[in-house]
Amino acid sequence: MDFALRPWSTTDAADLRRAVAASPDLGLQLGEVDLRREDACVRFIGEALAPAEDRLPLAICVDGVVVGNVGLTHLEHRHDTAWVSYWVAAAFRGRGLATRALSALAEHAFADLGLFRLELGHRVENVASCRVATGAGFAAEGIERSKLRYGDLRFDVETHARLATD
């Protein structure tokens, strides 16, 4: 499956709304924001998915339709590090798309942005996310106990990293 990475646009609001509606588990990933309406998606794109000095979110597109996101946050040049996140709509999972998008982002971060270390974390029970991380060359580094809290629930997180020298 061919894909493209590009900056988000507010014109992607309908694609974002459809992806979230078809993938209820994205509520945790996106911070439990209500994205059932296109105007809310437009605001979310403008606020959370707009590039900034310390972040680079990129839309994952298949045949011109946004089906996911891969991005850098906490981009920091003193130590040349960034935090990585990714998600793909349910209908596009299991095809290696997230792994290839994450690999492409990592290569861009190292070659074009001069970063040295990329980090990510996934809930321990999210086995698919772990496969994406390891498939893109991110080595597991350990478990952070009860790191995330969603509502009343806490989740252990496995951290991974990839270095420019890996």
N, C-alpha and C. Protein backbone atom coordinates (compact mmCIF):
# COMPACT_ATOMS: atom_id res chain seq x y z
N MET A 1 0.85 -1.18 0.00
CA MET A 1 0.00 0.00 0.00
C MET A 1 0.90 1.24 0.00
N ASP A 2 0.71 2.09 -0.99
CA ASP A 2 1.46 3.34 -1.06
C ASP A 2 0.85 4.35 -0.11
N PHE A 3 1.70 5.20 0.44
CA PHE A 3 1.22 6.24 1.35
C PHE A 3 2.09 7.47 1.16
N ALA A 4 1.59 8.58 1.68
CA ALA A 4 2.35 9.83 1.68
C ALA A 4 2.24 10.44 3.07
N LEU A 5 3.28 11.14 3.48
CA LEU A 5 3.26 11.92 4.71
C LEU A 5 3.26 13.38 4.33
N ARG A 6 2.39 14.16 4.98
CA ARG A 6 2.33 15.59 4.70
C ARG A 6 1.76 16.31 5.91
N PRO A 7 1.98 17.64 5.98
CA PRO A 7 1.37 18.39 7.09
C PRO A 7 -0.15 18.30 7.04
N TRP A 8 -0.76 18.38 8.21
CA TRP A 8 -2.22 18.41 8.31
C TRP A 8 -2.75 19.74 7.78
N SER A 9 -3.96 19.71 7.29
CA SER A 9 -4.67 20.91 6.85
C SER A 9 -6.08 20.87 7.46
N THR A 10 -6.64 22.02 7.71
CA THR A 10 -8.01 22.03 8.24
C THR A 10 -8.99 21.40 7.25
N THR A 11 -8.60 21.29 5.99
CA THR A 11 -9.46 20.61 5.02
C THR A 11 -9.49 19.10 5.23
N ASP A 12 -8.65 18.60 6.16
CA ASP A 12 -8.64 17.17 6.50
C ASP A 12 -9.65 16.83 7.60
N ALA A 13 -10.45 17.80 8.01
CA ALA A 13 -11.36 17.58 9.14
C ALA A 13 -12.32 16.42 8.91
N ALA A 14 -12.87 16.30 7.73
CA ALA A 14 -13.81 15.20 7.48
C ALA A 14 -13.11 13.85 7.57
N ASP A 15 -11.87 13.76 7.06
CA ASP A 15 -11.12 12.50 7.15
C ASP A 15 -10.83 12.16 8.61
N LEU A 16 -10.45 13.16 9.39
CA LEU A 16 -10.18 12.94 10.81
C LEU A 16 -11.44 12.46 11.53
N ARG A 17 -12.56 13.11 11.27
CA ARG A 17 -13.82 12.72 11.90
C ARG A 17 -14.17 11.27 11.56
N ARG A 18 -14.04 10.89 10.29
CA ARG A 18 -14.35 9.52 9.87
C ARG A 18 -13.40 8.51 10.53
N ALA A 19 -12.10 8.84 10.58
CA ALA A 19 -11.13 7.91 11.18
C ALA A 19 -11.44 7.67 12.65
N VAL A 20 -11.75 8.74 13.38
CA VAL A 20 -12.06 8.61 14.80
C VAL A 20 -13.37 7.86 15.01
N ALA A 21 -14.37 8.16 14.19
CA ALA A 21 -15.66 7.49 14.33
C ALA A 21 -15.54 5.99 14.09
N ALA A 22 -14.66 5.60 13.18
CA ALA A 22 -14.49 4.18 12.86
C ALA A 22 -13.49 3.48 13.77
N SER A 23 -12.86 4.22 14.66
CA SER A 23 -11.81 3.67 15.52
C SER A 23 -11.99 4.19 16.94
N PRO A 24 -12.98 3.68 17.68
CA PRO A 24 -13.28 4.21 19.01
C PRO A 24 -12.10 4.21 19.97
N ASP A 25 -11.14 3.32 19.79
CA ASP A 25 -9.97 3.28 20.67
C ASP A 25 -9.07 4.51 20.53
N LEU A 26 -9.26 5.30 19.47
CA LEU A 26 -8.44 6.49 19.30
C LEU A 26 -8.74 7.56 20.34
N GLY A 27 -9.84 7.44 21.04
CA GLY A 27 -10.16 8.41 22.10
C GLY A 27 -9.04 8.52 23.11
N LEU A 28 -8.48 7.40 23.53
CA LEU A 28 -7.35 7.44 24.46
C LEU A 28 -6.13 8.08 23.81
N GLN A 29 -5.85 7.69 22.59
CA GLN A 29 -4.67 8.18 21.89
C GLN A 29 -4.71 9.69 21.67
N LEU A 30 -5.88 10.21 21.41
CA LEU A 30 -6.01 11.63 21.07
C LEU A 30 -6.38 12.50 22.27
N GLY A 31 -6.37 11.94 23.44
CA GLY A 31 -6.62 12.74 24.64
C GLY A 31 -8.07 12.91 24.99
N GLU A 32 -8.89 11.97 24.58
CA GLU A 32 -10.31 11.96 24.92
C GLU A 32 -11.03 13.23 24.50
N VAL A 33 -10.60 13.84 23.41
CA VAL A 33 -11.27 15.01 22.87
C VAL A 33 -12.44 14.54 22.00
N ASP A 34 -13.52 15.27 22.01
CA ASP A 34 -14.72 14.90 21.25
C ASP A 34 -14.57 15.38 19.81
N LEU A 35 -14.37 14.44 18.90
CA LEU A 35 -14.16 14.76 17.49
C LEU A 35 -15.28 14.22 16.62
N ARG A 36 -16.50 14.24 17.14
CA ARG A 36 -17.64 13.74 16.37
C ARG A 36 -18.15 14.74 15.36
N ARG A 37 -17.77 16.01 15.51
CA ARG A 37 -18.23 17.05 14.59
C ARG A 37 -17.04 17.62 13.82
N GLU A 38 -17.29 17.99 12.57
CA GLU A 38 -16.20 18.52 11.75
C GLU A 38 -15.62 19.82 12.29
N ASP A 39 -16.46 20.68 12.88
CA ASP A 39 -15.90 21.93 13.41
C ASP A 39 -14.94 21.65 14.56
N ALA A 40 -15.22 20.62 15.35
CA ALA A 40 -14.30 20.24 16.42
C ALA A 40 -12.99 19.69 15.83
N CYS A 41 -13.10 18.97 14.73
CA CYS A 41 -11.91 18.45 14.06
C CYS A 41 -11.07 19.58 13.48
N VAL A 42 -11.73 20.59 12.92
CA VAL A 42 -11.00 21.75 12.39
C VAL A 42 -10.21 22.41 13.52
N ARG A 43 -10.86 22.61 14.67
CA ARG A 43 -10.16 23.21 15.82
C ARG A 43 -8.99 22.34 16.28
N PHE A 44 -9.23 21.03 16.37
CA PHE A 44 -8.19 20.11 16.82
C PHE A 44 -6.99 20.14 15.88
N ILE A 45 -7.24 20.15 14.58
CA ILE A 45 -6.15 20.22 13.61
C ILE A 45 -5.38 21.52 13.80
N GLY A 46 -6.10 22.62 13.96
CA GLY A 46 -5.45 23.91 14.11
C GLY A 46 -4.67 24.06 15.40
N GLU A 47 -5.13 23.38 16.46
CA GLU A 47 -4.49 23.52 17.77
C GLU A 47 -3.47 22.42 18.05
N ALA A 48 -3.81 21.17 17.79
CA ALA A 48 -2.97 20.05 18.19
C ALA A 48 -2.14 19.46 17.05
N LEU A 49 -2.59 19.66 15.82
CA LEU A 49 -1.91 19.02 14.70
C LEU A 49 -1.22 20.02 13.77
N ALA A 50 -1.10 21.25 14.22
CA ALA A 50 -0.37 22.25 13.45
C ALA A 50 1.11 22.16 13.81
N PRO A 51 1.99 22.27 12.81
CA PRO A 51 3.42 22.26 13.14
C PRO A 51 3.80 23.46 14.00
N ALA A 52 4.78 23.26 14.84
CA ALA A 52 5.29 24.33 15.70
C ALA A 52 6.78 24.06 15.91
N GLU A 53 7.44 24.95 16.61
CA GLU A 53 8.87 24.81 16.83
C GLU A 53 9.22 23.49 17.51
N ASP A 54 8.34 23.02 18.39
CA ASP A 54 8.64 21.81 19.16
C ASP A 54 7.82 20.59 18.74
N ARG A 55 7.16 20.66 17.59
CA ARG A 55 6.38 19.50 17.14
C ARG A 55 6.24 19.49 15.62
N LEU A 56 6.11 18.28 15.08
CA LEU A 56 5.93 18.07 13.66
C LEU A 56 4.96 16.91 13.45
N PRO A 57 3.66 17.20 13.47
CA PRO A 57 2.68 16.15 13.18
C PRO A 57 2.49 16.03 11.67
N LEU A 58 2.41 14.81 11.18
CA LEU A 58 2.22 14.58 9.75
C LEU A 58 1.05 13.63 9.53
N ALA A 59 0.22 14.00 8.57
CA ALA A 59 -0.90 13.14 8.18
C ALA A 59 -0.37 11.99 7.34
N ILE A 60 -0.87 10.79 7.62
CA ILE A 60 -0.59 9.62 6.79
C ILE A 60 -1.74 9.51 5.80
N CYS A 61 -1.43 9.61 4.51
CA CYS A 61 -2.46 9.63 3.47
C CYS A 61 -2.33 8.41 2.56
N VAL A 62 -3.47 7.82 2.24
CA VAL A 62 -3.56 6.74 1.27
C VAL A 62 -4.58 7.18 0.23
N ASP A 63 -4.17 7.21 -1.01
CA ASP A 63 -5.05 7.65 -2.11
C ASP A 63 -5.67 9.01 -1.81
N GLY A 64 -4.90 9.91 -1.21
CA GLY A 64 -5.37 11.26 -0.95
C GLY A 64 -6.25 11.42 0.28
N VAL A 65 -6.49 10.34 1.01
CA VAL A 65 -7.34 10.37 2.20
C VAL A 65 -6.46 10.20 3.44
N VAL A 66 -6.68 11.05 4.44
CA VAL A 66 -5.93 10.93 5.69
C VAL A 66 -6.46 9.73 6.47
N VAL A 67 -5.55 8.81 6.81
CA VAL A 67 -5.93 7.60 7.53
C VAL A 67 -5.16 7.44 8.83
N GLY A 68 -4.31 8.42 9.16
CA GLY A 68 -3.56 8.31 10.40
C GLY A 68 -2.64 9.50 10.60
N ASN A 69 -1.82 9.39 11.63
CA ASN A 69 -0.89 10.44 11.99
C ASN A 69 0.39 9.81 12.51
N VAL A 70 1.50 10.45 12.20
CA VAL A 70 2.78 10.12 12.80
C VAL A 70 3.44 11.46 13.07
N GLY A 71 4.03 11.60 14.25
CA GLY A 71 4.57 12.92 14.54
C GLY A 71 5.64 12.93 15.61
N LEU A 72 6.31 14.07 15.63
CA LEU A 72 7.31 14.35 16.65
C LEU A 72 6.76 15.43 17.56
N THR A 73 6.94 15.24 18.86
CA THR A 73 6.63 16.28 19.83
C THR A 73 7.82 16.41 20.77
N HIS A 74 7.79 17.42 21.60
CA HIS A 74 8.90 17.67 22.52
C HIS A 74 10.23 17.65 21.77
N LEU A 75 10.19 18.19 20.55
CA LEU A 75 11.38 18.28 19.72
C LEU A 75 12.35 19.24 20.37
N GLU A 76 13.54 18.77 20.65
CA GLU A 76 14.49 19.53 21.45
C GLU A 76 15.87 19.42 20.83
N HIS A 77 16.50 20.56 20.56
CA HIS A 77 17.77 20.54 19.84
C HIS A 77 19.01 20.60 20.73
N ARG A 78 18.86 20.88 21.99
CA ARG A 78 20.05 20.85 22.86
C ARG A 78 20.61 19.43 22.92
N HIS A 79 19.69 18.47 23.10
CA HIS A 79 20.10 17.07 23.17
C HIS A 79 19.75 16.31 21.88
N ASP A 80 19.11 17.01 20.93
CA ASP A 80 18.71 16.42 19.65
C ASP A 80 17.80 15.22 19.83
N THR A 81 16.72 15.43 20.60
CA THR A 81 15.77 14.37 20.90
C THR A 81 14.35 14.80 20.53
N ALA A 82 13.48 13.82 20.44
CA ALA A 82 12.05 14.08 20.24
C ALA A 82 11.27 12.85 20.69
N TRP A 83 9.99 13.09 21.00
CA TRP A 83 9.04 12.04 21.35
C TRP A 83 8.22 11.74 20.11
N VAL A 84 7.96 10.48 19.84
CA VAL A 84 7.24 10.05 18.65
C VAL A 84 5.88 9.50 19.03
N SER A 85 4.89 9.78 18.21
CA SER A 85 3.57 9.15 18.39
C SER A 85 3.03 8.77 17.02
N TYR A 86 2.08 7.86 17.01
CA TYR A 86 1.48 7.42 15.75
C TYR A 86 0.13 6.79 16.02
N TRP A 87 -0.73 6.85 15.04
CA TRP A 87 -1.99 6.13 15.05
C TRP A 87 -2.46 5.94 13.61
N VAL A 88 -3.23 4.89 13.41
CA VAL A 88 -3.82 4.61 12.10
C VAL A 88 -5.25 4.17 12.33
N ALA A 89 -6.15 4.64 11.47
CA ALA A 89 -7.56 4.26 11.56
C ALA A 89 -7.69 2.73 11.49
N ALA A 90 -8.67 2.21 12.17
CA ALA A 90 -8.84 0.76 12.31
C ALA A 90 -8.84 0.02 10.97
N ALA A 91 -9.46 0.57 9.96
CA ALA A 91 -9.57 -0.11 8.67
C ALA A 91 -8.22 -0.26 7.97
N PHE A 92 -7.21 0.48 8.41
CA PHE A 92 -5.90 0.45 7.76
C PHE A 92 -4.83 -0.22 8.61
N ARG A 93 -5.23 -0.81 9.71
CA ARG A 93 -4.27 -1.48 10.58
C ARG A 93 -3.94 -2.87 10.06
N GLY A 94 -2.80 -3.39 10.51
CA GLY A 94 -2.41 -4.75 10.14
C GLY A 94 -1.81 -4.87 8.76
N ARG A 95 -1.50 -3.77 8.12
CA ARG A 95 -0.94 -3.79 6.76
C ARG A 95 0.49 -3.25 6.72
N GLY A 96 1.06 -2.94 7.88
CA GLY A 96 2.42 -2.41 7.93
C GLY A 96 2.51 -0.92 7.67
N LEU A 97 1.37 -0.27 7.53
CA LEU A 97 1.35 1.16 7.21
C LEU A 97 1.96 2.00 8.32
N ALA A 98 1.57 1.76 9.56
CA ALA A 98 2.11 2.53 10.68
C ALA A 98 3.61 2.32 10.81
N THR A 99 4.06 1.10 10.63
CA THR A 99 5.50 0.80 10.74
C THR A 99 6.28 1.54 9.66
N ARG A 100 5.78 1.52 8.44
CA ARG A 100 6.49 2.22 7.35
C ARG A 100 6.45 3.72 7.54
N ALA A 101 5.32 4.26 8.02
CA ALA A 101 5.24 5.71 8.26
C ALA A 101 6.18 6.11 9.38
N LEU A 102 6.24 5.31 10.45
CA LEU A 102 7.15 5.60 11.55
C LEU A 102 8.60 5.53 11.10
N SER A 103 8.94 4.54 10.30
CA SER A 103 10.30 4.44 9.77
C SER A 103 10.66 5.65 8.92
N ALA A 104 9.73 6.09 8.07
CA ALA A 104 9.97 7.26 7.22
C ALA A 104 10.17 8.52 8.07
N LEU A 105 9.35 8.67 9.10
CA LEU A 105 9.50 9.82 9.98
C LEU A 105 10.85 9.80 10.68
N ALA A 106 11.26 8.64 11.16
CA ALA A 106 12.55 8.52 11.85
C ALA A 106 13.69 8.89 10.91
N GLU A 107 13.65 8.40 9.70
CA GLU A 107 14.70 8.74 8.73
C GLU A 107 14.74 10.24 8.48
N HIS A 108 13.59 10.87 8.34
CA HIS A 108 13.51 12.32 8.15
C HIS A 108 14.07 13.05 9.37
N ALA A 109 13.72 12.59 10.55
CA ALA A 109 14.18 13.23 11.78
C ALA A 109 15.70 13.18 11.90
N PHE A 110 16.29 12.05 11.54
CA PHE A 110 17.74 11.91 11.64
C PHE A 110 18.45 12.65 10.50
N ALA A 111 18.01 12.45 9.27
CA ALA A 111 18.71 13.00 8.11
C ALA A 111 18.48 14.49 7.91
N ASP A 112 17.25 14.94 8.12
CA ASP A 112 16.91 16.32 7.76
C ASP A 112 16.79 17.27 8.96
N LEU A 113 16.43 16.72 10.12
CA LEU A 113 16.25 17.58 11.30
C LEU A 113 17.44 17.51 12.25
N GLY A 114 18.36 16.62 12.00
CA GLY A 114 19.55 16.53 12.82
C GLY A 114 19.32 15.94 14.20
N LEU A 115 18.26 15.20 14.37
CA LEU A 115 18.00 14.58 15.67
C LEU A 115 18.86 13.33 15.85
N PHE A 116 19.11 12.97 17.10
CA PHE A 116 19.92 11.80 17.40
C PHE A 116 19.11 10.69 18.06
N ARG A 117 18.16 11.05 18.94
CA ARG A 117 17.41 10.05 19.69
C ARG A 117 15.92 10.33 19.58
N LEU A 118 15.16 9.30 19.21
CA LEU A 118 13.70 9.37 19.18
C LEU A 118 13.16 8.39 20.20
N GLU A 119 12.18 8.83 20.96
CA GLU A 119 11.60 8.01 22.02
C GLU A 119 10.10 7.86 21.80
N LEU A 120 9.55 6.75 22.28
CA LEU A 120 8.11 6.56 22.26
C LEU A 120 7.72 5.65 23.40
N GLY A 121 6.44 5.64 23.70
CA GLY A 121 5.91 4.75 24.72
C GLY A 121 4.55 4.25 24.30
N HIS A 122 4.24 3.02 24.68
CA HIS A 122 2.91 2.47 24.39
C HIS A 122 2.40 1.75 25.63
N ARG A 123 1.09 1.72 25.78
CA ARG A 123 0.51 0.94 26.87
C ARG A 123 0.95 -0.52 26.71
N VAL A 124 1.33 -1.15 27.79
CA VAL A 124 1.88 -2.50 27.74
C VAL A 124 0.93 -3.47 27.05
N GLU A 125 -0.37 -3.30 27.24
CA GLU A 125 -1.32 -4.23 26.63
C GLU A 125 -1.55 -3.96 25.15
N ASN A 126 -0.99 -2.89 24.61
CA ASN A 126 -1.15 -2.57 23.19
C ASN A 126 -0.05 -3.26 22.38
N VAL A 127 -0.26 -4.53 22.15
CA VAL A 127 0.73 -5.37 21.48
C VAL A 127 0.98 -4.89 20.04
N ALA A 128 -0.07 -4.43 19.37
CA ALA A 128 0.08 -3.96 17.99
C ALA A 128 1.01 -2.76 17.93
N SER A 129 0.88 -1.84 18.87
CA SER A 129 1.75 -0.67 18.90
C SER A 129 3.20 -1.07 19.15
N CYS A 130 3.40 -2.08 19.97
CA CYS A 130 4.75 -2.59 20.21
C CYS A 130 5.34 -3.15 18.92
N ARG A 131 4.53 -3.89 18.15
CA ARG A 131 5.01 -4.42 16.87
C ARG A 131 5.41 -3.31 15.91
N VAL A 132 4.63 -2.22 15.90
CA VAL A 132 4.97 -1.07 15.06
C VAL A 132 6.32 -0.51 15.47
N ALA A 133 6.49 -0.29 16.76
CA ALA A 133 7.74 0.30 17.27
C ALA A 133 8.94 -0.57 16.94
N THR A 134 8.87 -1.84 17.27
CA THR A 134 10.02 -2.72 17.02
C THR A 134 10.25 -2.91 15.53
N GLY A 135 9.18 -2.96 14.75
CA GLY A 135 9.31 -3.10 13.31
C GLY A 135 9.99 -1.91 12.66
N ALA A 136 9.86 -0.73 13.28
CA ALA A 136 10.49 0.49 12.78
C ALA A 136 11.87 0.71 13.40
N GLY A 137 12.38 -0.29 14.11
CA GLY A 137 13.74 -0.20 14.65
C GLY A 137 13.87 0.44 16.01
N PHE A 138 12.78 0.59 16.74
CA PHE A 138 12.82 1.17 18.09
C PHE A 138 13.00 0.05 19.10
N ALA A 139 14.10 0.08 19.83
CA ALA A 139 14.42 -0.94 20.83
C ALA A 139 13.68 -0.66 22.13
N ALA A 140 13.14 -1.72 22.74
CA ALA A 140 12.49 -1.58 24.04
C ALA A 140 13.54 -1.23 25.08
N GLU A 141 13.18 -0.30 25.98
CA GLU A 141 14.13 0.13 27.01
C GLU A 141 13.63 -0.13 28.43
N GLY A 142 12.36 -0.39 28.60
CA GLY A 142 11.87 -0.68 29.94
C GLY A 142 10.41 -0.33 30.13
N ILE A 143 9.93 -0.66 31.32
CA ILE A 143 8.53 -0.43 31.68
C ILE A 143 8.46 0.70 32.70
N GLU A 144 7.57 1.64 32.45
CA GLU A 144 7.27 2.71 33.40
C GLU A 144 5.92 2.36 34.02
N ARG A 145 5.95 2.02 35.30
CA ARG A 145 4.75 1.54 35.96
C ARG A 145 3.74 2.66 36.18
N SER A 146 2.48 2.36 35.84
CA SER A 146 1.34 3.27 36.07
C SER A 146 1.61 4.69 35.57
N LYS A 147 2.26 4.80 34.43
CA LYS A 147 2.63 6.12 33.91
C LYS A 147 1.43 6.91 33.40
N LEU A 148 0.53 6.25 32.70
CA LEU A 148 -0.61 6.95 32.09
C LEU A 148 -1.87 6.75 32.91
N ARG A 149 -2.69 7.79 32.93
CA ARG A 149 -4.00 7.69 33.60
C ARG A 149 -5.06 8.18 32.64
N TYR A 150 -6.04 7.34 32.40
CA TYR A 150 -7.21 7.68 31.60
C TYR A 150 -8.43 7.44 32.48
N GLY A 151 -9.07 8.53 32.89
CA GLY A 151 -10.17 8.40 33.84
C GLY A 151 -9.62 7.88 35.15
N ASP A 152 -10.22 6.81 35.64
CA ASP A 152 -9.77 6.20 36.89
C ASP A 152 -8.75 5.08 36.69
N LEU A 153 -8.41 4.79 35.45
CA LEU A 153 -7.52 3.67 35.16
C LEU A 153 -6.09 4.15 34.93
N ARG A 154 -5.14 3.39 35.42
CA ARG A 154 -3.72 3.68 35.19
C ARG A 154 -3.14 2.55 34.34
N PHE A 155 -2.15 2.90 33.52
CA PHE A 155 -1.57 1.94 32.59
C PHE A 155 -0.05 1.98 32.67
N ASP A 156 0.55 0.79 32.67
CA ASP A 156 1.99 0.69 32.54
C ASP A 156 2.36 0.99 31.08
N VAL A 157 3.53 1.57 30.89
CA VAL A 157 3.98 1.96 29.56
C VAL A 157 5.35 1.35 29.29
N GLU A 158 5.50 0.75 28.12
CA GLU A 158 6.81 0.28 27.69
C GLU A 158 7.43 1.37 26.82
N THR A 159 8.65 1.79 27.17
CA THR A 159 9.34 2.81 26.40
C THR A 159 10.28 2.15 25.39
N HIS A 160 10.42 2.82 24.27
CA HIS A 160 11.30 2.39 23.18
C HIS A 160 12.09 3.60 22.72
N ALA A 161 13.22 3.36 22.10
CA ALA A 161 14.00 4.44 21.49
C ALA A 161 14.73 3.93 20.27
N ARG A 162 14.97 4.86 19.37
CA ARG A 162 15.81 4.59 18.20
C ARG A 162 16.82 5.72 18.10
N LEU A 163 18.06 5.35 17.87
CA LEU A 163 19.14 6.32 17.74
C LEU A 163 19.55 6.47 16.28
N ALA A 164 20.09 7.60 15.95
CA ALA A 164 20.57 7.81 14.60
C ALA A 164 21.62 6.80 14.21
N THR A 165 22.32 6.25 15.20
CA THR A 165 23.39 5.28 14.95
C THR A 165 22.89 3.83 14.89
N ASP A 166 21.61 3.61 15.15
CA ASP A 166 21.05 2.23 15.10
C ASP A 166 20.97 1.73 13.67
